[in-house]
């Protein structure tokens, strides 16, 4: 996949480099390096991007615009209600864990 192919894919999917990165499990810097031809994606990542293309824009992880302070989320009672449900139900925990793999950890976001 060439840098131009990557840019075309992002345009087709209507996503940012950060969203594409989150959707395939790499850092935003990696996607940007691919687009600048500083690095090249392995076959596994090319395959993941092709899967996204086939699924369409709805398959892309959409990230909130602007900086969101995760600590402020802790003041929301709904967050605590969700956490209690996740802690109490094994199947729900497993489903949430699987879904969470698609999202970056906010404690490591720059």
PDB file of N, CA and C in Angstrom:
ATOM      1  N   UNK A   1       0.859  -1.170   0.000  1.00  0.00           N
ATOM      2  CA  UNK A   1       0.000   0.000   0.000  1.00  0.00           C
ATOM      3  C   UNK A   1       0.906   1.233   0.000  1.00  0.00           C
ATOM      4  N   UNK A   2       0.712   2.102  -0.960  1.00  0.00           N
ATOM      5  CA  UNK A   2       1.538   3.293  -1.095  1.00  0.00           C
ATOM      6  C   UNK A   2       0.999   4.423  -0.224  1.00  0.00           C
ATOM      7  N   UNK A   3       1.802   5.461  -0.013  1.00  0.00           N
ATOM      8  CA  UNK A   3       1.307   6.624   0.727  1.00  0.00           C
ATOM      9  C   UNK A   3       0.046   7.223   0.094  1.00  0.00           C
ATOM     10  N   UNK A   4      -0.003   7.273  -1.226  1.00  0.00           N
ATOM     11  CA  UNK A   4      -1.197   7.801  -1.897  1.00  0.00           C
ATOM     12  C   UNK A   4      -2.403   6.899  -1.671  1.00  0.00           C
ATOM     13  N   UNK A   5      -2.173   5.589  -1.644  1.00  0.00           N
ATOM     14  CA  UNK A   5      -3.262   4.650  -1.359  1.00  0.00           C
ATOM     15  C   UNK A   5      -3.830   4.891   0.047  1.00  0.00           C
ATOM     16  N   UNK A   6      -2.936   5.140   1.002  1.00  0.00           N
ATOM     17  CA  UNK A   6      -3.367   5.403   2.379  1.00  0.00           C
ATOM     18  C   UNK A   6      -4.192   6.670   2.467  1.00  0.00           C
ATOM     19  N   UNK A   7      -3.731   7.716   1.812  1.00  0.00           N
ATOM     20  CA  UNK A   7      -4.478   8.977   1.827  1.00  0.00           C
ATOM     21  C   UNK A   7      -5.841   8.798   1.177  1.00  0.00           C
ATOM     22  N   UNK A   8      -5.886   8.033   0.085  1.00  0.00           N
ATOM     23  CA  UNK A   8      -7.157   7.771  -0.596  1.00  0.00           C
ATOM     24  C   UNK A   8      -8.096   6.954   0.307  1.00  0.00           C
ATOM     25  N   UNK A   9      -7.531   5.999   1.024  1.00  0.00           N
ATOM     26  CA  UNK A   9      -8.330   5.191   1.941  1.00  0.00           C
ATOM     27  C   UNK A   9      -8.937   6.064   3.035  1.00  0.00           C
ATOM     28  N   UNK A  10      -8.117   6.930   3.616  1.00  0.00           N
ATOM     29  CA  UNK A  10      -8.639   7.808   4.675  1.00  0.00           C
ATOM     30  C   UNK A  10      -9.740   8.706   4.136  1.00  0.00           C
ATOM     31  N   UNK A  11      -9.561   9.199   2.920  1.00  0.00           N
ATOM     32  CA  UNK A  11     -10.583  10.054   2.312  1.00  0.00           C
ATOM     33  C   UNK A  11     -11.865   9.255   2.083  1.00  0.00           C
ATOM     34  N   UNK A  12     -11.714   8.043   1.565  1.00  0.00           N
ATOM     35  CA  UNK A  12     -12.861   7.170   1.307  1.00  0.00           C
ATOM     36  C   UNK A  12     -13.621   6.852   2.591  1.00  0.00           C
ATOM     37  N   UNK A  13     -12.872   6.617   3.670  1.00  0.00           N
ATOM     38  CA  UNK A  13     -13.488   6.282   4.950  1.00  0.00           C
ATOM     39  C   UNK A  13     -13.902   7.516   5.749  1.00  0.00           C
ATOM     40  N   UNK A  14     -13.436   8.694   5.304  1.00  0.00           N
ATOM     41  CA  UNK A  14     -13.776   9.930   6.003  1.00  0.00           C
ATOM     42  C   UNK A  14     -13.213   9.970   7.405  1.00  0.00           C
ATOM     43  N   UNK A  15     -11.955   9.553   7.549  1.00  0.00           N
ATOM     44  CA  UNK A  15     -11.379   9.479   8.886  1.00  0.00           C
ATOM     45  C   UNK A  15     -10.037  10.193   8.962  1.00  0.00           C
ATOM     46  N   UNK A  16      -9.649  10.498  10.175  1.00  0.00           N
ATOM     47  CA  UNK A  16      -8.355  11.109  10.437  1.00  0.00           C
ATOM     48  C   UNK A  16      -7.308  10.003  10.553  1.00  0.00           C
ATOM     49  N   UNK A  17      -6.048  10.404  10.543  1.00  0.00           N
ATOM     50  CA  UNK A  17      -4.967   9.437  10.747  1.00  0.00           C
ATOM     51  C   UNK A  17      -5.104   8.795  12.125  1.00  0.00           C
ATOM     52  N   UNK A  18      -5.513   9.570  13.096  1.00  0.00           N
ATOM     53  CA  UNK A  18      -5.684   9.060  14.459  1.00  0.00           C
ATOM     54  C   UNK A  18      -6.795   8.007  14.512  1.00  0.00           C
ATOM     55  N   UNK A  19      -7.896   8.258  13.803  1.00  0.00           N
ATOM     56  CA  UNK A  19      -8.999   7.299  13.793  1.00  0.00           C
ATOM     57  C   UNK A  19      -8.623   6.019  13.039  1.00  0.00           C
ATOM     58  N   UNK A  20      -7.918   6.167  11.925  1.00  0.00           N
ATOM     59  CA  UNK A  20      -7.460   4.986  11.197  1.00  0.00           C
ATOM     60  C   UNK A  20      -6.518   4.171  12.082  1.00  0.00           C
ATOM     61  N   UNK A  21      -5.614   4.860  12.758  1.00  0.00           N
ATOM     62  CA  UNK A  21      -4.663   4.186  13.650  1.00  0.00           C
ATOM     63  C   UNK A  21      -5.403   3.402  14.738  1.00  0.00           C
ATOM     64  N   UNK A  22      -6.387   4.032  15.369  1.00  0.00           N
ATOM     65  CA  UNK A  22      -7.146   3.361  16.427  1.00  0.00           C
ATOM     66  C   UNK A  22      -7.905   2.162  15.868  1.00  0.00           C
ATOM     67  N   UNK A  23      -8.363   2.266  14.647  1.00  0.00           N
ATOM     68  CA  UNK A  23      -9.148   1.193  14.033  1.00  0.00           C
ATOM     69  C   UNK A  23      -8.316  -0.033  13.682  1.00  0.00           C
ATOM     70  N   UNK A  24      -7.037   0.165  13.428  1.00  0.00           N
ATOM     71  CA  UNK A  24      -6.189  -0.981  13.048  1.00  0.00           C
ATOM     72  C   UNK A  24      -5.173  -1.361  14.123  1.00  0.00           C
ATOM     73  N   UNK A  25      -5.137  -0.596  15.208  1.00  0.00           N
ATOM     74  CA  UNK A  25      -4.287  -0.965  16.340  1.00  0.00           C
ATOM     75  C   UNK A  25      -2.857  -0.486  16.284  1.00  0.00           C
ATOM     76  N   UNK A  26      -2.636   0.706  15.724  1.00  0.00           N
ATOM     77  CA  UNK A  26      -1.301   1.309  15.726  1.00  0.00           C
ATOM     78  C   UNK A  26      -1.405   2.737  16.247  1.00  0.00           C
ATOM     79  N   UNK A  27      -0.271   3.382  16.429  1.00  0.00           N
ATOM     80  CA  UNK A  27      -0.246   4.782  16.838  1.00  0.00           C
ATOM     81  C   UNK A  27      -0.479   5.688  15.642  1.00  0.00           C
ATOM     82  N   UNK A  28      -0.984   6.869  15.906  1.00  0.00           N
ATOM     83  CA  UNK A  28      -1.187   7.861  14.856  1.00  0.00           C
ATOM     84  C   UNK A  28       0.129   8.158  14.138  1.00  0.00           C
ATOM     85  N   UNK A  29       1.216   8.226  14.887  1.00  0.00           N
ATOM     86  CA  UNK A  29       2.522   8.513  14.294  1.00  0.00           C
ATOM     87  C   UNK A  29       2.906   7.463  13.256  1.00  0.00           C
ATOM     88  N   UNK A  30       2.491   6.227  13.477  1.00  0.00           N
ATOM     89  CA  UNK A  30       2.792   5.162  12.521  1.00  0.00           C
ATOM     90  C   UNK A  30       2.065   5.406  11.206  1.00  0.00           C
ATOM     91  N   UNK A  31       0.781   5.731  11.278  1.00  0.00           N
ATOM     92  CA  UNK A  31       0.013   6.013  10.059  1.00  0.00           C
ATOM     93  C   UNK A  31       0.621   7.200   9.321  1.00  0.00           C
ATOM     94  N   UNK A  32       0.984   8.238  10.053  1.00  0.00           N
ATOM     95  CA  UNK A  32       1.587   9.420   9.412  1.00  0.00           C
ATOM     96  C   UNK A  32       2.927   9.062   8.769  1.00  0.00           C
ATOM     97  N   UNK A  33       3.685   8.182   9.399  1.00  0.00           N
ATOM     98  CA  UNK A  33       4.960   7.736   8.813  1.00  0.00           C
ATOM     99  C   UNK A  33       4.727   6.935   7.539  1.00  0.00           C
ATOM    100  N   UNK A  34       3.673   6.148   7.523  1.00  0.00           N
ATOM    101  CA  UNK A  34       3.323   5.420   6.303  1.00  0.00           C
ATOM    102  C   UNK A  34       2.968   6.387   5.181  1.00  0.00           C
ATOM    103  N   UNK A  35       2.204   7.432   5.546  1.00  0.00           N
ATOM    104  CA  UNK A  35       1.778   8.398   4.529  1.00  0.00           C
ATOM    105  C   UNK A  35       2.942   9.231   3.991  1.00  0.00           C
ATOM    106  N   UNK A  36       4.003   9.351   4.772  1.00  0.00           N
ATOM    107  CA  UNK A  36       5.189  10.103   4.337  1.00  0.00           C
ATOM    108  C   UNK A  36       6.251   9.180   3.732  1.00  0.00           C
ATOM    109  N   UNK A  37       5.937   7.902   3.604  1.00  0.00           N
ATOM    110  CA  UNK A  37       6.861   6.889   3.077  1.00  0.00           C
ATOM    111  C   UNK A  37       8.133   6.773   3.910  1.00  0.00           C
ATOM    112  N   UNK A  38       8.024   7.079   5.200  1.00  0.00           N
ATOM    113  CA  UNK A  38       9.146   6.883   6.110  1.00  0.00           C
ATOM    114  C   UNK A  38       9.173   5.441   6.611  1.00  0.00           C
ATOM    115  N   UNK A  39       7.992   4.862   6.711  1.00  0.00           N
ATOM    116  CA  UNK A  39       7.808   3.453   7.071  1.00  0.00           C
ATOM    117  C   UNK A  39       6.771   2.877   6.108  1.00  0.00           C
ATOM    118  N   UNK A  40       6.654   1.557   6.090  1.00  0.00           N
ATOM    119  CA  UNK A  40       5.659   0.929   5.236  1.00  0.00           C
ATOM    120  C   UNK A  40       4.899  -0.106   6.052  1.00  0.00           C
ATOM    121  N   UNK A  41       3.578  -0.202   5.856  1.00  0.00           N
ATOM    122  CA  UNK A  41       2.783  -1.155   6.636  1.00  0.00           C
ATOM    123  C   UNK A  41       3.092  -2.597   6.254  1.00  0.00           C
ATOM    124  N   UNK A  42       3.044  -3.461   7.248  1.00  0.00           N
ATOM    125  CA  UNK A  42       3.207  -4.890   6.984  1.00  0.00           C
ATOM    126  C   UNK A  42       1.926  -5.425   6.356  1.00  0.00           C
ATOM    127  N   UNK A  43       1.998  -6.637   5.845  1.00  0.00           N
ATOM    128  CA  UNK A  43       0.833  -7.250   5.201  1.00  0.00           C
ATOM    129  C   UNK A  43      -0.349  -7.323   6.162  1.00  0.00           C
ATOM    130  N   UNK A  44      -0.084  -7.605   7.420  1.00  0.00           N
ATOM    131  CA  UNK A  44      -1.173  -7.709   8.400  1.00  0.00           C
ATOM    132  C   UNK A  44      -1.947  -6.395   8.489  1.00  0.00           C
ATOM    133  N   UNK A  45      -1.232  -5.259   8.498  1.00  0.00           N
ATOM    134  CA  UNK A  45      -1.909  -3.963   8.584  1.00  0.00           C
ATOM    135  C   UNK A  45      -2.586  -3.604   7.266  1.00  0.00           C
ATOM    136  N   UNK A  46      -1.978  -3.979   6.159  1.00  0.00           N
ATOM    137  CA  UNK A  46      -2.615  -3.757   4.857  1.00  0.00           C
ATOM    138  C   UNK A  46      -3.930  -4.535   4.806  1.00  0.00           C
ATOM    139  N   UNK A  47      -3.913  -5.768   5.299  1.00  0.00           N
ATOM    140  CA  UNK A  47      -5.127  -6.582   5.329  1.00  0.00           C
ATOM    141  C   UNK A  47      -6.200  -5.941   6.205  1.00  0.00           C
ATOM    142  N   UNK A  48      -5.795  -5.413   7.359  1.00  0.00           N
ATOM    143  CA  UNK A  48      -6.762  -4.745   8.250  1.00  0.00           C
ATOM    144  C   UNK A  48      -7.370  -3.528   7.565  1.00  0.00           C
ATOM    145  N   UNK A  49      -6.537  -2.763   6.850  1.00  0.00           N
ATOM    146  CA  UNK A  49      -7.051  -1.583   6.158  1.00  0.00           C
ATOM    147  C   UNK A  49      -7.991  -1.979   5.021  1.00  0.00           C
ATOM    148  N   UNK A  50      -7.702  -3.077   4.356  1.00  0.00           N
ATOM    149  CA  UNK A  50      -8.591  -3.558   3.291  1.00  0.00           C
ATOM    150  C   UNK A  50      -9.926  -4.018   3.879  1.00  0.00           C
ATOM    151  N   UNK A  51      -9.882  -4.631   5.059  1.00  0.00           N
ATOM    152  CA  UNK A  51     -11.124  -5.022   5.735  1.00  0.00           C
ATOM    153  C   UNK A  51     -11.955  -3.791   6.058  1.00  0.00           C
ATOM    154  N   UNK A  52     -11.306  -2.733   6.530  1.00  0.00           N
ATOM    155  CA  UNK A  52     -12.019  -1.484   6.811  1.00  0.00           C
ATOM    156  C   UNK A  52     -12.653  -0.937   5.537  1.00  0.00           C
ATOM    157  N   UNK A  53     -11.901  -0.962   4.455  1.00  0.00           N
ATOM    158  CA  UNK A  53     -12.426  -0.460   3.181  1.00  0.00           C
ATOM    159  C   UNK A  53     -13.688  -1.227   2.794  1.00  0.00           C
ATOM    160  N   UNK A  54     -13.645  -2.547   2.946  1.00  0.00           N
ATOM    161  CA  UNK A  54     -14.793  -3.370   2.581  1.00  0.00           C
ATOM    162  C   UNK A  54     -15.998  -3.101   3.473  1.00  0.00           C
ATOM    163  N   UNK A  55     -15.744  -2.870   4.754  1.00  0.00           N
ATOM    164  CA  UNK A  55     -16.839  -2.618   5.698  1.00  0.00           C
ATOM    165  C   UNK A  55     -17.391  -1.201   5.559  1.00  0.00           C
ATOM    166  N   UNK A  56     -16.549  -0.272   5.122  1.00  0.00           N
ATOM    167  CA  UNK A  56     -17.003   1.100   4.917  1.00  0.00           C
ATOM    168  C   UNK A  56     -16.766   1.995   6.119  1.00  0.00           C
ATOM    169  N   UNK A  57     -17.158   3.261   5.989  1.00  0.00           N
ATOM    170  CA  UNK A  57     -16.894   4.263   7.032  1.00  0.00           C
ATOM    171  C   UNK A  57     -17.429   3.911   8.416  1.00  0.00           C
ATOM    172  N   UNK A  58     -18.484   3.129   8.496  1.00  0.00           N
ATOM    173  CA  UNK A  58     -19.049   2.759   9.795  1.00  0.00           C
ATOM    174  C   UNK A  58     -18.149   1.874  10.628  1.00  0.00           C
ATOM    175  N   UNK A  59     -17.156   1.263  10.018  1.00  0.00           N
ATOM    176  CA  UNK A  59     -16.250   0.365  10.744  1.00  0.00           C
ATOM    177  C   UNK A  59     -15.103   1.110  11.416  1.00  0.00           C
ATOM    178  N   UNK A  60     -14.965   2.393  11.117  1.00  0.00           N
ATOM    179  CA  UNK A  60     -13.859   3.182  11.663  1.00  0.00           C
ATOM    180  C   UNK A  60     -14.198   3.651  13.073  1.00  0.00           C
ATOM    181  N   UNK A  61     -13.230   3.511  13.976  1.00  0.00           N
ATOM    182  CA  UNK A  61     -13.380   4.006  15.342  1.00  0.00           C
ATOM    183  C   UNK A  61     -13.406   5.530  15.270  1.00  0.00           C
ATOM    184  N   UNK A  62     -14.491   6.128  15.742  1.00  0.00           N
ATOM    185  CA  UNK A  62     -14.606   7.592  15.740  1.00  0.00           C
ATOM    186  C   UNK A  62     -14.175   8.113  17.103  1.00  0.00           C
ATOM    187  N   UNK A  63     -13.240   9.030  17.081  1.00  0.00           N
ATOM    188  CA  UNK A  63     -12.710   9.589  18.320  1.00  0.00           C
ATOM    189  C   UNK A  63     -13.285  10.980  18.544  1.00  0.00           C
ATOM    190  N   UNK A  64     -13.481  11.318  19.801  1.00  0.00           N
ATOM    191  CA  UNK A  64     -14.026  12.618  20.152  1.00  0.00           C
ATOM    192  C   UNK A  64     -13.083  13.723  19.701  1.00  0.00           C
ATOM    193  N   UNK A  65     -13.666  14.805  19.218  1.00  0.00           N
ATOM    194  CA  UNK A  65     -12.879  15.963  18.802  1.00  0.00           C
ATOM    195  C   UNK A  65     -12.460  16.751  20.038  1.00  0.00           C
ATOM    196  N   UNK A  66     -11.256  17.242  20.019  1.00  0.00           N
ATOM    197  CA  UNK A  66     -10.762  18.053  21.126  1.00  0.00           C
ATOM    198  C   UNK A  66     -10.308  17.207  22.302  1.00  0.00           C
ATOM    199  N   UNK A  67      -9.668  17.846  23.212  1.00  0.00           N
ATOM    200  CA  UNK A  67      -9.139  17.155  24.385  1.00  0.00           C
ATOM    201  C   UNK A  67     -10.262  16.870  25.374  1.00  0.00           C
ATOM    202  N   UNK A  68     -10.332  15.640  25.821  1.00  0.00           N
ATOM    203  CA  UNK A  68     -11.304  15.240  26.821  1.00  0.00           C
ATOM    204  C   UNK A  68     -10.514  14.762  28.025  1.00  0.00           C
ATOM    205  N   UNK A  69     -10.781  15.376  29.161  1.00  0.00           N
ATOM    206  CA  UNK A  69     -10.089  14.997  30.386  1.00  0.00           C
ATOM    207  C   UNK A  69     -10.772  13.773  30.984  1.00  0.00           C
ATOM    208  N   UNK A  70     -10.107  12.605  30.942  1.00  0.00           N
ATOM    209  CA  UNK A  70     -10.750  11.400  31.464  1.00  0.00           C
ATOM    210  C   UNK A  70     -11.099  11.514  32.941  1.00  0.00           C
ATOM    211  N   UNK A  71     -10.376  12.330  33.672  1.00  0.00           N
ATOM    212  CA  UNK A  71     -10.669  12.487  35.098  1.00  0.00           C
ATOM    213  C   UNK A  71     -12.032  13.152  35.314  1.00  0.00           C
ATOM    214  N   UNK A  72     -12.439  14.029  34.415  1.00  0.00           N
ATOM    215  CA  UNK A  72     -13.748  14.677  34.542  1.00  0.00           C
ATOM    216  C   UNK A  72     -14.870  13.661  34.358  1.00  0.00           C
ATOM    217  N   UNK A  73     -14.613  12.624  33.580  1.00  0.00           N
ATOM    218  CA  UNK A  73     -15.618  11.576  33.366  1.00  0.00           C
ATOM    219  C   UNK A  73     -15.956  10.868  34.665  1.00  0.00           C
ATOM    220  N   UNK A  74     -15.001  10.822  35.580  1.00  0.00           N
ATOM    221  CA  UNK A  74     -15.221  10.110  36.842  1.00  0.00           C
ATOM    222  C   UNK A  74     -16.269  10.779  37.724  1.00  0.00           C
ATOM    223  N   UNK A  75     -16.592  12.028  37.462  1.00  0.00           N
ATOM    224  CA  UNK A  75     -17.614  12.730  38.235  1.00  0.00           C
ATOM    225  C   UNK A  75     -19.023  12.424  37.731  1.00  0.00           C
ATOM    226  N   UNK A  76     -19.133  11.729  36.611  1.00  0.00           N
ATOM    227  CA  UNK A  76     -20.421  11.434  35.997  1.00  0.00           C
ATOM    228  C   UNK A  76     -21.024  10.179  36.626  1.00  0.00           C
ATOM    229  N   UNK A  77     -22.197  10.282  37.248  1.00  0.00           N
ATOM    230  CA  UNK A  77     -22.831   9.115  37.871  1.00  0.00           C
ATOM    231  C   UNK A  77     -23.106   7.978  36.876  1.00  0.00           C
ATOM    232  N   UNK A  78     -23.365   8.322  35.626  1.00  0.00           N
ATOM    233  CA  UNK A  78     -23.632   7.295  34.615  1.00  0.00           C
ATOM    234  C   UNK A  78     -22.396   6.420  34.397  1.00  0.00           C
ATOM    235  N   UNK A  79     -21.211   7.022  34.486  1.00  0.00           N
ATOM    236  CA  UNK A  79     -19.974   6.242  34.342  1.00  0.00           C
ATOM    237  C   UNK A  79     -19.898   5.191  35.442  1.00  0.00           C
ATOM    238  N   UNK A  80     -20.223   5.585  36.663  1.00  0.00           N
ATOM    239  CA  UNK A  80     -20.160   4.644  37.782  1.00  0.00           C
ATOM    240  C   UNK A  80     -21.214   3.550  37.656  1.00  0.00           C
ATOM    241  N   UNK A  81     -22.394   3.909  37.134  1.00  0.00           N
ATOM    242  CA  UNK A  81     -23.430   2.905  36.903  1.00  0.00           C
ATOM    243  C   UNK A  81     -22.934   1.874  35.880  1.00  0.00           C
ATOM    244  N   UNK A  82     -22.315   2.344  34.813  1.00  0.00           N
ATOM    245  CA  UNK A  82     -21.769   1.437  33.800  1.00  0.00           C
ATOM    246  C   UNK A  82     -20.675   0.550  34.386  1.00  0.00           C
ATOM    247  N   UNK A  83     -19.793   1.150  35.168  1.00  0.00           N
ATOM    248  CA  UNK A  83     -18.711   0.366  35.776  1.00  0.00           C
ATOM    249  C   UNK A  83     -19.252  -0.721  36.707  1.00  0.00           C
ATOM    250  N   UNK A  84     -20.305  -0.396  37.464  1.00  0.00           N
ATOM    251  CA  UNK A  84     -20.906  -1.414  38.348  1.00  0.00           C
ATOM    252  C   UNK A  84     -21.471  -2.569  37.536  1.00  0.00           C
ATOM    253  N   UNK A  85     -22.152  -2.249  36.427  1.00  0.00           N
ATOM    254  CA  UNK A  85     -22.714  -3.302  35.577  1.00  0.00           C
ATOM    255  C   UNK A  85     -21.615  -4.156  34.961  1.00  0.00           C
ATOM    256  N   UNK A  86     -20.555  -3.513  34.492  1.00  0.00           N
ATOM    257  CA  UNK A  86     -19.445  -4.247  33.890  1.00  0.00           C
ATOM    258  C   UNK A  86     -18.796  -5.171  34.926  1.00  0.00           C
ATOM    259  N   UNK A  87     -18.615  -4.655  36.132  1.00  0.00           N
ATOM    260  CA  UNK A  87     -17.993  -5.457  37.184  1.00  0.00           C
ATOM    261  C   UNK A  87     -18.877  -6.640  37.597  1.00  0.00           C
ATOM    262  N   UNK A  88     -20.190  -6.470  37.527  1.00  0.00           N
ATOM    263  CA  UNK A  88     -21.111  -7.493  38.017  1.00  0.00           C
ATOM    264  C   UNK A  88     -21.419  -8.596  37.000  1.00  0.00           C
ATOM    265  N   UNK A  89     -21.197  -8.339  35.714  1.00  0.00           N
ATOM    266  CA  UNK A  89     -21.611  -9.297  34.692  1.00  0.00           C
ATOM    267  C   UNK A  89     -20.427  -9.732  33.832  1.00  0.00           C
ATOM    268  N   UNK A  90     -20.061 -10.997  33.973  1.00  0.00           N
ATOM    269  CA  UNK A  90     -18.889 -11.531  33.271  1.00  0.00           C
ATOM    270  C   UNK A  90     -19.017 -11.383  31.755  1.00  0.00           C
ATOM    271  N   UNK A  91     -20.161 -11.737  31.197  1.00  0.00           N
ATOM    272  CA  UNK A  91     -20.334 -11.654  29.743  1.00  0.00           C
ATOM    273  C   UNK A  91     -20.196 -10.206  29.262  1.00  0.00           C
ATOM    274  N   UNK A  92     -20.757  -9.280  30.001  1.00  0.00           N
ATOM    275  CA  UNK A  92     -20.644  -7.866  29.643  1.00  0.00           C
ATOM    276  C   UNK A  92     -19.181  -7.412  29.695  1.00  0.00           C
ATOM    277  N   UNK A  93     -18.451  -7.855  30.745  1.00  0.00           N
ATOM    278  CA  UNK A  93     -17.018  -7.523  30.844  1.00  0.00           C
ATOM    279  C   UNK A  93     -16.269  -8.019  29.615  1.00  0.00           C
ATOM    280  N   UNK A  94     -16.558  -9.249  29.183  1.00  0.00           N
ATOM    281  CA  UNK A  94     -15.881  -9.816  28.020  1.00  0.00           C
ATOM    282  C   UNK A  94     -16.200  -9.026  26.755  1.00  0.00           C
ATOM    283  N   UNK A  95     -17.465  -8.635  26.592  1.00  0.00           N
ATOM    284  CA  UNK A  95     -17.866  -7.856  25.419  1.00  0.00           C
ATOM    285  C   UNK A  95     -17.210  -6.480  25.422  1.00  0.00           C
ATOM    286  N   UNK A  96     -17.176  -5.850  26.589  1.00  0.00           N
ATOM    287  CA  UNK A  96     -16.562  -4.527  26.702  1.00  0.00           C
ATOM    288  C   UNK A  96     -15.059  -4.623  26.457  1.00  0.00           C
ATOM    289  N   UNK A  97     -14.423  -5.658  26.969  1.00  0.00           N
ATOM    290  CA  UNK A  97     -12.979  -5.834  26.756  1.00  0.00           C
ATOM    291  C   UNK A  97     -12.671  -5.975  25.270  1.00  0.00           C
ATOM    292  N   UNK A  98     -13.488  -6.725  24.568  1.00  0.00           N
ATOM    293  CA  UNK A  98     -13.290  -6.908  23.125  1.00  0.00           C
ATOM    294  C   UNK A  98     -13.472  -5.577  22.391  1.00  0.00           C
ATOM    295  N   UNK A  99     -14.518  -4.859  22.736  1.00  0.00           N
ATOM    296  CA  UNK A  99     -14.766  -3.553  22.117  1.00  0.00           C
ATOM    297  C   UNK A  99     -13.651  -2.562  22.453  1.00  0.00           C
ATOM    298  N   UNK A 100     -13.175  -2.584  23.683  1.00  0.00           N
ATOM    299  CA  UNK A 100     -12.154  -1.635  24.136  1.00  0.00           C
ATOM    300  C   UNK A 100     -10.830  -1.793  23.409  1.00  0.00           C
ATOM    301  N   UNK A 101     -10.572  -2.971  22.841  1.00  0.00           N
ATOM    302  CA  UNK A 101      -9.329  -3.182  22.098  1.00  0.00           C
ATOM    303  C   UNK A 101      -9.210  -2.223  20.920  1.00  0.00           C
ATOM    304  N   UNK A 102     -10.337  -1.741  20.415  1.00  0.00           N
ATOM    305  CA  UNK A 102     -10.346  -0.844  19.253  1.00  0.00           C
ATOM    306  C   UNK A 102     -10.045   0.610  19.616  1.00  0.00           C
ATOM    307  N   UNK A 103     -10.019   0.913  20.907  1.00  0.00           N
ATOM    308  CA  UNK A 103      -9.866   2.301  21.343  1.00  0.00           C
ATOM    309  C   UNK A 103      -8.538   2.508  22.066  1.00  0.00           C
ATOM    310  N   UNK A 104      -7.931   3.673  21.860  1.00  0.00           N
ATOM    311  CA  UNK A 104      -6.677   3.950  22.559  1.00  0.00           C
ATOM    312  C   UNK A 104      -6.916   4.174  24.051  1.00  0.00           C
ATOM    313  N   UNK A 105      -5.916   3.880  24.834  1.00  0.00           N
ATOM    314  CA  UNK A 105      -5.974   4.118  26.279  1.00  0.00           C
ATOM    315  C   UNK A 105      -5.767   5.604  26.519  1.00  0.00           C
ATOM    316  N   UNK A 106      -6.719   6.297  27.152  1.00  0.00           N
ATOM    317  CA  UNK A 106      -6.564   7.749  27.338  1.00  0.00           C
ATOM    318  C   UNK A 106      -5.382   8.132  28.220  1.00  0.00           C
ATOM    319  N   UNK A 107      -4.904   7.189  29.022  1.00  0.00           N
ATOM    320  CA  UNK A 107      -3.765   7.517  29.874  1.00  0.00           C
ATOM    321  C   UNK A 107      -2.459   7.565  29.068  1.00  0.00           C
ATOM    322  N   UNK A 108      -2.485   7.015  27.857  1.00  0.00           N
ATOM    323  CA  UNK A 108      -1.279   7.038  27.014  1.00  0.00           C
ATOM    324  C   UNK A 108      -1.423   7.965  25.820  1.00  0.00           C
ATOM    325  N   UNK A 109      -2.593   8.595  25.678  1.00  0.00           N
ATOM    326  CA  UNK A 109      -2.825   9.537  24.557  1.00  0.00           C
ATOM    327  C   UNK A 109      -1.991  10.786  24.747  1.00  0.00           C
ATOM    328  N   UNK A 110      -1.359  11.242  23.666  1.00  0.00           N
ATOM    329  CA  UNK A 110      -0.566  12.474  23.739  1.00  0.00           C
ATOM    330  C   UNK A 110      -1.350  13.666  23.282  1.00  0.00           C
TER     331      UNK A 110
END
